[in-house]
PDB file of N, CA and C in Angstrom:
ATOM      1  N   UNK A   1      -8.422 -22.065   7.545  1.00  0.00           N
ATOM      2  CA  UNK A   1      -9.015 -20.824   7.092  1.00  0.00           C
ATOM      3  C   UNK A   1      -7.932 -19.758   6.907  1.00  0.00           C
ATOM      4  N   UNK A   2      -7.063 -19.616   7.905  1.00  0.00           N
ATOM      5  CA  UNK A   2      -6.027 -18.592   7.851  1.00  0.00           C
ATOM      6  C   UNK A   2      -5.109 -18.791   6.655  1.00  0.00           C
ATOM      7  N   UNK A   3      -4.664 -20.007   6.441  1.00  0.00           N
ATOM      8  CA  UNK A   3      -3.748 -20.289   5.345  1.00  0.00           C
ATOM      9  C   UNK A   3      -4.402 -20.048   3.985  1.00  0.00           C
ATOM     10  N   UNK A   4      -5.669 -20.338   3.889  1.00  0.00           N
ATOM     11  CA  UNK A   4      -6.419 -20.168   2.652  1.00  0.00           C
ATOM     12  C   UNK A   4      -6.499 -18.693   2.257  1.00  0.00           C
ATOM     13  N   UNK A   5      -6.901 -17.837   3.191  1.00  0.00           N
ATOM     14  CA  UNK A   5      -7.019 -16.409   2.924  1.00  0.00           C
ATOM     15  C   UNK A   5      -5.630 -15.806   2.669  1.00  0.00           C
ATOM     16  N   UNK A   6      -4.648 -16.253   3.428  1.00  0.00           N
ATOM     17  CA  UNK A   6      -3.289 -15.755   3.261  1.00  0.00           C
ATOM     18  C   UNK A   6      -2.745 -16.111   1.877  1.00  0.00           C
ATOM     19  N   UNK A   7      -3.007 -17.308   1.400  1.00  0.00           N
ATOM     20  CA  UNK A   7      -2.563 -17.719   0.072  1.00  0.00           C
ATOM     21  C   UNK A   7      -3.190 -16.847  -1.019  1.00  0.00           C
ATOM     22  N   UNK A   8      -4.472 -16.583  -0.909  1.00  0.00           N
ATOM     23  CA  UNK A   8      -5.160 -15.761  -1.903  1.00  0.00           C
ATOM     24  C   UNK A   8      -4.596 -14.347  -1.908  1.00  0.00           C
ATOM     25  N   UNK A   9      -4.430 -13.763  -0.727  1.00  0.00           N
ATOM     26  CA  UNK A   9      -3.934 -12.392  -0.636  1.00  0.00           C
ATOM     27  C   UNK A   9      -2.502 -12.278  -1.150  1.00  0.00           C
ATOM     28  N   UNK A  10      -1.651 -13.228  -0.815  1.00  0.00           N
ATOM     29  CA  UNK A  10      -0.261 -13.189  -1.274  1.00  0.00           C
ATOM     30  C   UNK A  10      -0.166 -13.338  -2.785  1.00  0.00           C
ATOM     31  N   UNK A  11      -1.122 -14.009  -3.388  1.00  0.00           N
ATOM     32  CA  UNK A  11      -1.132 -14.173  -4.836  1.00  0.00           C
ATOM     33  C   UNK A  11      -1.489 -12.875  -5.553  1.00  0.00           C
ATOM     34  N   UNK A  12      -2.182 -11.979  -4.866  1.00  0.00           N
ATOM     35  CA  UNK A  12      -2.662 -10.749  -5.484  1.00  0.00           C
ATOM     36  C   UNK A  12      -1.700  -9.567  -5.366  1.00  0.00           C
ATOM     37  N   UNK A  13      -0.901  -9.517  -4.328  1.00  0.00           N
ATOM     38  CA  UNK A  13      -0.116  -8.321  -4.024  1.00  0.00           C
ATOM     39  C   UNK A  13       1.305  -8.394  -4.585  1.00  0.00           C
ATOM     40  N   UNK A  14       1.972  -7.229  -4.629  1.00  0.00           N
ATOM     41  CA  UNK A  14       3.364  -7.158  -5.070  1.00  0.00           C
ATOM     42  C   UNK A  14       4.334  -7.488  -3.937  1.00  0.00           C
ATOM     43  N   UNK A  15       3.909  -7.220  -2.690  1.00  0.00           N
ATOM     44  CA  UNK A  15       4.769  -7.437  -1.526  1.00  0.00           C
ATOM     45  C   UNK A  15       4.148  -8.513  -0.632  1.00  0.00           C
ATOM     46  N   UNK A  16       4.363  -9.805  -0.934  1.00  0.00           N
ATOM     47  CA  UNK A  16       3.739 -10.872  -0.149  1.00  0.00           C
ATOM     48  C   UNK A  16       4.186 -10.916   1.307  1.00  0.00           C
ATOM     49  N   UNK A  17       5.354 -10.374   1.601  1.00  0.00           N
ATOM     50  CA  UNK A  17       5.811 -10.392   2.995  1.00  0.00           C
ATOM     51  C   UNK A  17       5.021  -9.424   3.867  1.00  0.00           C
ATOM     52  N   UNK A  18       4.286  -8.496   3.255  1.00  0.00           N
ATOM     53  CA  UNK A  18       3.484  -7.542   4.006  1.00  0.00           C
ATOM     54  C   UNK A  18       2.089  -8.043   4.328  1.00  0.00           C
ATOM     55  N   UNK A  19       1.784  -9.279   3.989  1.00  0.00           N
ATOM     56  CA  UNK A  19       0.452  -9.844   4.220  1.00  0.00           C
ATOM     57  C   UNK A  19       0.435 -10.595   5.546  1.00  0.00           C
ATOM     58  N   UNK A  20      -0.577 -10.300   6.353  1.00  0.00           N
ATOM     59  CA  UNK A  20      -0.787 -11.083   7.572  1.00  0.00           C
ATOM     60  C   UNK A  20      -2.279 -11.261   7.779  1.00  0.00           C
ATOM     61  N   UNK A  21      -2.643 -12.419   8.278  1.00  0.00           N
ATOM     62  CA  UNK A  21      -4.039 -12.760   8.506  1.00  0.00           C
ATOM     63  C   UNK A  21      -4.201 -13.185   9.957  1.00  0.00           C
ATOM     64  N   UNK A  22      -5.214 -12.628  10.589  1.00  0.00           N
ATOM     65  CA  UNK A  22      -5.516 -12.988  11.973  1.00  0.00           C
ATOM     66  C   UNK A  22      -6.967 -13.441  12.035  1.00  0.00           C
ATOM     67  N   UNK A  23      -7.179 -14.635  12.526  1.00  0.00           N
ATOM     68  CA  UNK A  23      -8.526 -15.192  12.633  1.00  0.00           C
ATOM     69  C   UNK A  23      -8.900 -15.310  14.105  1.00  0.00           C
ATOM     70  N   UNK A  24      -9.997 -14.674  14.463  1.00  0.00           N
ATOM     71  CA  UNK A  24     -10.494 -14.763  15.832  1.00  0.00           C
ATOM     72  C   UNK A  24     -11.866 -15.413  15.796  1.00  0.00           C
ATOM     73  N   UNK A  25     -12.088 -16.304  16.699  1.00  0.00           N
ATOM     74  CA  UNK A  25     -13.383 -16.967  16.790  1.00  0.00           C
ATOM     75  C   UNK A  25     -13.947 -16.732  18.191  1.00  0.00           C
ATOM     76  N   UNK A  26     -14.364 -15.489  18.446  1.00  0.00           N
ATOM     77  CA  UNK A  26     -14.910 -15.138  19.755  1.00  0.00           C
ATOM     78  C   UNK A  26     -16.222 -15.881  20.008  1.00  0.00           C
ATOM     79  N   UNK A  27     -17.023 -15.956  18.993  1.00  0.00           N
ATOM     80  CA  UNK A  27     -18.284 -16.670  19.075  1.00  0.00           C
ATOM     81  C   UNK A  27     -18.079 -18.031  18.416  1.00  0.00           C
ATOM     82  N   UNK A  28     -18.790 -19.026  18.861  1.00  0.00           N
ATOM     83  CA  UNK A  28     -18.629 -20.369  18.293  1.00  0.00           C
ATOM     84  C   UNK A  28     -19.133 -20.468  16.864  1.00  0.00           C
ATOM     85  N   UNK A  29     -19.935 -19.501  16.428  1.00  0.00           N
ATOM     86  CA  UNK A  29     -20.537 -19.590  15.105  1.00  0.00           C
ATOM     87  C   UNK A  29     -19.977 -18.596  14.099  1.00  0.00           C
ATOM     88  N   UNK A  30     -19.015 -17.762  14.502  1.00  0.00           N
ATOM     89  CA  UNK A  30     -18.526 -16.709  13.616  1.00  0.00           C
ATOM     90  C   UNK A  30     -16.996 -16.648  13.646  1.00  0.00           C
ATOM     91  N   UNK A  31     -16.396 -16.578  12.444  1.00  0.00           N
ATOM     92  CA  UNK A  31     -14.974 -16.298  12.308  1.00  0.00           C
ATOM     93  C   UNK A  31     -14.823 -14.812  11.995  1.00  0.00           C
ATOM     94  N   UNK A  32     -13.999 -14.104  12.740  1.00  0.00           N
ATOM     95  CA  UNK A  32     -13.647 -12.719  12.437  1.00  0.00           C
ATOM     96  C   UNK A  32     -12.243 -12.746  11.856  1.00  0.00           C
ATOM     97  N   UNK A  33     -12.139 -12.408  10.579  1.00  0.00           N
ATOM     98  CA  UNK A  33     -10.867 -12.484   9.870  1.00  0.00           C
ATOM     99  C   UNK A  33     -10.383 -11.070   9.590  1.00  0.00           C
ATOM    100  N   UNK A  34      -9.164 -10.759  10.046  1.00  0.00           N
ATOM    101  CA  UNK A  34      -8.556  -9.453   9.811  1.00  0.00           C
ATOM    102  C   UNK A  34      -7.382  -9.652   8.854  1.00  0.00           C
ATOM    103  N   UNK A  35      -7.506  -9.058   7.683  1.00  0.00           N
ATOM    104  CA  UNK A  35      -6.478  -9.149   6.656  1.00  0.00           C
ATOM    105  C   UNK A  35      -5.698  -7.846   6.649  1.00  0.00           C
ATOM    106  N   UNK A  36      -4.389  -7.946   6.780  1.00  0.00           N
ATOM    107  CA  UNK A  36      -3.549  -6.757   6.779  1.00  0.00           C
ATOM    108  C   UNK A  36      -2.538  -6.890   5.649  1.00  0.00           C
ATOM    109  N   UNK A  37      -2.483  -5.859   4.786  1.00  0.00           N
ATOM    110  CA  UNK A  37      -1.525  -5.817   3.686  1.00  0.00           C
ATOM    111  C   UNK A  37      -0.792  -4.487   3.741  1.00  0.00           C
ATOM    112  N   UNK A  38       0.310  -4.394   3.016  1.00  0.00           N
ATOM    113  CA  UNK A  38       1.052  -3.140   2.993  1.00  0.00           C
ATOM    114  C   UNK A  38       0.208  -2.060   2.299  1.00  0.00           C
ATOM    115  N   UNK A  39       0.404  -0.797   2.678  1.00  0.00           N
ATOM    116  CA  UNK A  39      -0.460   0.289   2.167  1.00  0.00           C
ATOM    117  C   UNK A  39      -0.512   0.399   0.648  1.00  0.00           C
ATOM    118  N   UNK A  40       0.582   0.100  -0.039  1.00  0.00           N
ATOM    119  CA  UNK A  40       0.561   0.217  -1.498  1.00  0.00           C
ATOM    120  C   UNK A  40      -0.194  -0.927  -2.173  1.00  0.00           C
ATOM    121  N   UNK A  41      -0.505  -1.990  -1.454  1.00  0.00           N
ATOM    122  CA  UNK A  41      -1.213  -3.140  -2.022  1.00  0.00           C
ATOM    123  C   UNK A  41      -2.693  -3.200  -1.655  1.00  0.00           C
ATOM    124  N   UNK A  42      -3.170  -2.252  -0.882  1.00  0.00           N
ATOM    125  CA  UNK A  42      -4.576  -2.284  -0.454  1.00  0.00           C
ATOM    126  C   UNK A  42      -5.513  -2.236  -1.654  1.00  0.00           C
ATOM    127  N   UNK A  43      -5.196  -1.392  -2.630  1.00  0.00           N
ATOM    128  CA  UNK A  43      -6.038  -1.274  -3.817  1.00  0.00           C
ATOM    129  C   UNK A  43      -6.106  -2.554  -4.626  1.00  0.00           C
ATOM    130  N   UNK A  44      -5.040  -3.314  -4.631  1.00  0.00           N
ATOM    131  CA  UNK A  44      -5.025  -4.573  -5.382  1.00  0.00           C
ATOM    132  C   UNK A  44      -5.899  -5.626  -4.716  1.00  0.00           C
ATOM    133  N   UNK A  45      -5.969  -5.582  -3.401  1.00  0.00           N
ATOM    134  CA  UNK A  45      -6.810  -6.542  -2.684  1.00  0.00           C
ATOM    135  C   UNK A  45      -8.288  -6.143  -2.784  1.00  0.00           C
ATOM    136  N   UNK A  46      -8.559  -4.851  -2.776  1.00  0.00           N
ATOM    137  CA  UNK A  46      -9.946  -4.388  -2.868  1.00  0.00           C
ATOM    138  C   UNK A  46     -10.470  -4.549  -4.289  1.00  0.00           C
ATOM    139  N   UNK A  47      -9.679  -4.150  -5.278  1.00  0.00           N
ATOM    140  CA  UNK A  47     -10.096  -4.269  -6.668  1.00  0.00           C
ATOM    141  C   UNK A  47     -11.020  -3.149  -7.087  1.00  0.00           C
ATOM    142  N   UNK A  48     -11.325  -3.108  -8.359  1.00  0.00           N
ATOM    143  CA  UNK A  48     -12.233  -2.086  -8.873  1.00  0.00           C
ATOM    144  C   UNK A  48     -13.634  -2.324  -8.338  1.00  0.00           C
ATOM    145  N   UNK A  49     -14.190  -1.279  -7.765  1.00  0.00           N
ATOM    146  CA  UNK A  49     -15.534  -1.309  -7.178  1.00  0.00           C
ATOM    147  C   UNK A  49     -15.677  -2.400  -6.117  1.00  0.00           C
ATOM    148  N   UNK A  50     -14.568  -2.838  -5.534  1.00  0.00           N
ATOM    149  CA  UNK A  50     -14.604  -3.819  -4.454  1.00  0.00           C
ATOM    150  C   UNK A  50     -14.917  -5.238  -4.877  1.00  0.00           C
ATOM    151  N   UNK A  51     -14.733  -5.527  -6.142  1.00  0.00           N
ATOM    152  CA  UNK A  51     -15.103  -6.861  -6.633  1.00  0.00           C
ATOM    153  C   UNK A  51     -14.173  -7.968  -6.136  1.00  0.00           C
ATOM    154  N   UNK A  52     -12.880  -7.682  -5.996  1.00  0.00           N
ATOM    155  CA  UNK A  52     -11.948  -8.726  -5.555  1.00  0.00           C
ATOM    156  C   UNK A  52     -12.188  -9.065  -4.088  1.00  0.00           C
ATOM    157  N   UNK A  53     -12.324  -8.052  -3.245  1.00  0.00           N
ATOM    158  CA  UNK A  53     -12.565  -8.326  -1.822  1.00  0.00           C
ATOM    159  C   UNK A  53     -13.917  -9.006  -1.637  1.00  0.00           C
ATOM    160  N   UNK A  54     -14.879  -8.681  -2.463  1.00  0.00           N
ATOM    161  CA  UNK A  54     -16.177  -9.359  -2.389  1.00  0.00           C
ATOM    162  C   UNK A  54     -16.035 -10.835  -2.731  1.00  0.00           C
ATOM    163  N   UNK A  55     -15.221 -11.133  -3.732  1.00  0.00           N
ATOM    164  CA  UNK A  55     -15.002 -12.528  -4.109  1.00  0.00           C
ATOM    165  C   UNK A  55     -14.269 -13.289  -3.001  1.00  0.00           C
ATOM    166  N   UNK A  56     -13.295 -12.632  -2.363  1.00  0.00           N
ATOM    167  CA  UNK A  56     -12.582 -13.265  -1.254  1.00  0.00           C
ATOM    168  C   UNK A  56     -13.535 -13.521  -0.095  1.00  0.00           C
ATOM    169  N   UNK A  57     -14.442 -12.587   0.152  1.00  0.00           N
ATOM    170  CA  UNK A  57     -15.437 -12.770   1.226  1.00  0.00           C
ATOM    171  C   UNK A  57     -16.360 -13.950   0.917  1.00  0.00           C
ATOM    172  N   UNK A  58     -16.744 -14.100  -0.343  1.00  0.00           N
ATOM    173  CA  UNK A  58     -17.596 -15.224  -0.734  1.00  0.00           C
ATOM    174  C   UNK A  58     -16.867 -16.550  -0.500  1.00  0.00           C
ATOM    175  N   UNK A  59     -15.586 -16.602  -0.856  1.00  0.00           N
ATOM    176  CA  UNK A  59     -14.810 -17.821  -0.639  1.00  0.00           C
ATOM    177  C   UNK A  59     -14.648 -18.120   0.846  1.00  0.00           C
ATOM    178  N   UNK A  60     -14.405 -17.087   1.647  1.00  0.00           N
ATOM    179  CA  UNK A  60     -14.266 -17.287   3.096  1.00  0.00           C
ATOM    180  C   UNK A  60     -15.579 -17.765   3.698  1.00  0.00           C
ATOM    181  N   UNK A  61     -16.686 -17.207   3.246  1.00  0.00           N
ATOM    182  CA  UNK A  61     -17.997 -17.629   3.732  1.00  0.00           C
ATOM    183  C   UNK A  61     -18.282 -19.068   3.351  1.00  0.00           C
ATOM    184  N   UNK A  62     -17.855 -19.460   2.151  1.00  0.00           N
ATOM    185  CA  UNK A  62     -18.055 -20.830   1.700  1.00  0.00           C
ATOM    186  C   UNK A  62     -17.262 -21.824   2.547  1.00  0.00           C
ATOM    187  N   UNK A  63     -16.004 -21.494   2.836  1.00  0.00           N
ATOM    188  CA  UNK A  63     -15.171 -22.377   3.657  1.00  0.00           C
ATOM    189  C   UNK A  63     -15.736 -22.468   5.071  1.00  0.00           C
ATOM    190  N   UNK A  64     -16.148 -21.346   5.625  1.00  0.00           N
ATOM    191  CA  UNK A  64     -16.718 -21.342   6.977  1.00  0.00           C
ATOM    192  C   UNK A  64     -18.060 -22.074   7.012  1.00  0.00           C
ATOM    193  N   UNK A  65     -18.803 -21.995   5.920  1.00  0.00           N
ATOM    194  CA  UNK A  65     -20.096 -22.664   5.854  1.00  0.00           C
ATOM    195  C   UNK A  65     -19.986 -24.171   5.945  1.00  0.00           C
ATOM    196  N   UNK A  66     -18.890 -24.712   5.494  1.00  0.00           N
ATOM    197  CA  UNK A  66     -18.682 -26.156   5.601  1.00  0.00           C
ATOM    198  C   UNK A  66     -18.611 -26.605   7.050  1.00  0.00           C
ATOM    199  N   UNK A  67     -18.178 -25.678   7.911  1.00  0.00           N
ATOM    200  CA  UNK A  67     -18.080 -25.971   9.341  1.00  0.00           C
ATOM    201  C   UNK A  67     -19.301 -25.485  10.108  1.00  0.00           C
ATOM    202  N   UNK A  68     -20.288 -24.972   9.399  1.00  0.00           N
ATOM    203  CA  UNK A  68     -21.495 -24.475  10.034  1.00  0.00           C
ATOM    204  C   UNK A  68     -21.306 -23.124  10.708  1.00  0.00           C
ATOM    205  N   UNK A  69     -20.355 -22.337  10.198  1.00  0.00           N
ATOM    206  CA  UNK A  69     -20.070 -21.021  10.771  1.00  0.00           C
ATOM    207  C   UNK A  69     -20.208 -19.939   9.724  1.00  0.00           C
ATOM    208  N   UNK A  70     -20.149 -18.678  10.177  1.00  0.00           N
ATOM    209  CA  UNK A  70     -20.137 -17.520   9.300  1.00  0.00           C
ATOM    210  C   UNK A  70     -18.730 -16.926   9.314  1.00  0.00           C
ATOM    211  N   UNK A  71     -18.403 -16.151   8.280  1.00  0.00           N
ATOM    212  CA  UNK A  71     -17.104 -15.499   8.213  1.00  0.00           C
ATOM    213  C   UNK A  71     -17.299 -14.011   7.957  1.00  0.00           C
ATOM    214  N   UNK A  72     -16.603 -13.197   8.727  1.00  0.00           N
ATOM    215  CA  UNK A  72     -16.603 -11.751   8.537  1.00  0.00           C
ATOM    216  C   UNK A  72     -15.169 -11.351   8.241  1.00  0.00           C
ATOM    217  N   UNK A  73     -14.923 -10.874   7.020  1.00  0.00           N
ATOM    218  CA  UNK A  73     -13.574 -10.510   6.581  1.00  0.00           C
ATOM    219  C   UNK A  73     -13.450  -9.000   6.517  1.00  0.00           C
ATOM    220  N   UNK A  74     -12.427  -8.469   7.177  1.00  0.00           N
ATOM    221  CA  UNK A  74     -12.164  -7.027   7.172  1.00  0.00           C
ATOM    222  C   UNK A  74     -10.707  -6.790   6.804  1.00  0.00           C
ATOM    223  N   UNK A  75     -10.471  -5.680   6.114  1.00  0.00           N
ATOM    224  CA  UNK A  75      -9.103  -5.268   5.830  1.00  0.00           C
ATOM    225  C   UNK A  75      -8.696  -4.317   6.951  1.00  0.00           C
ATOM    226  N   UNK A  76      -7.647  -4.676   7.679  1.00  0.00           N
ATOM    227  CA  UNK A  76      -7.205  -3.881   8.819  1.00  0.00           C
ATOM    228  C   UNK A  76      -6.453  -2.656   8.333  1.00  0.00           C
ATOM    229  N   UNK A  77      -6.555  -1.571   9.085  1.00  0.00           N
ATOM    230  CA  UNK A  77      -5.848  -0.338   8.745  1.00  0.00           C
ATOM    231  C   UNK A  77      -4.442  -0.374   9.266  1.00  0.00           C
TER     232      UNK A  77
END
């Protein structure tokens, strides 16, 4: 899961070294994913009207669904 989200985010931004992904699974049924990018790349990850981040959330939910879990993706400040 971590590598998948990290690959997508690094493909979108200008500064791939500023991307970090942290996946926590506090509950057995939920992945909490924290995506951190450099401040100048936040807009590129969010996209116009939030469409890109919504698409990334759909992909994360799909991958987690294969394992019978949910995914919650947040962009860290």
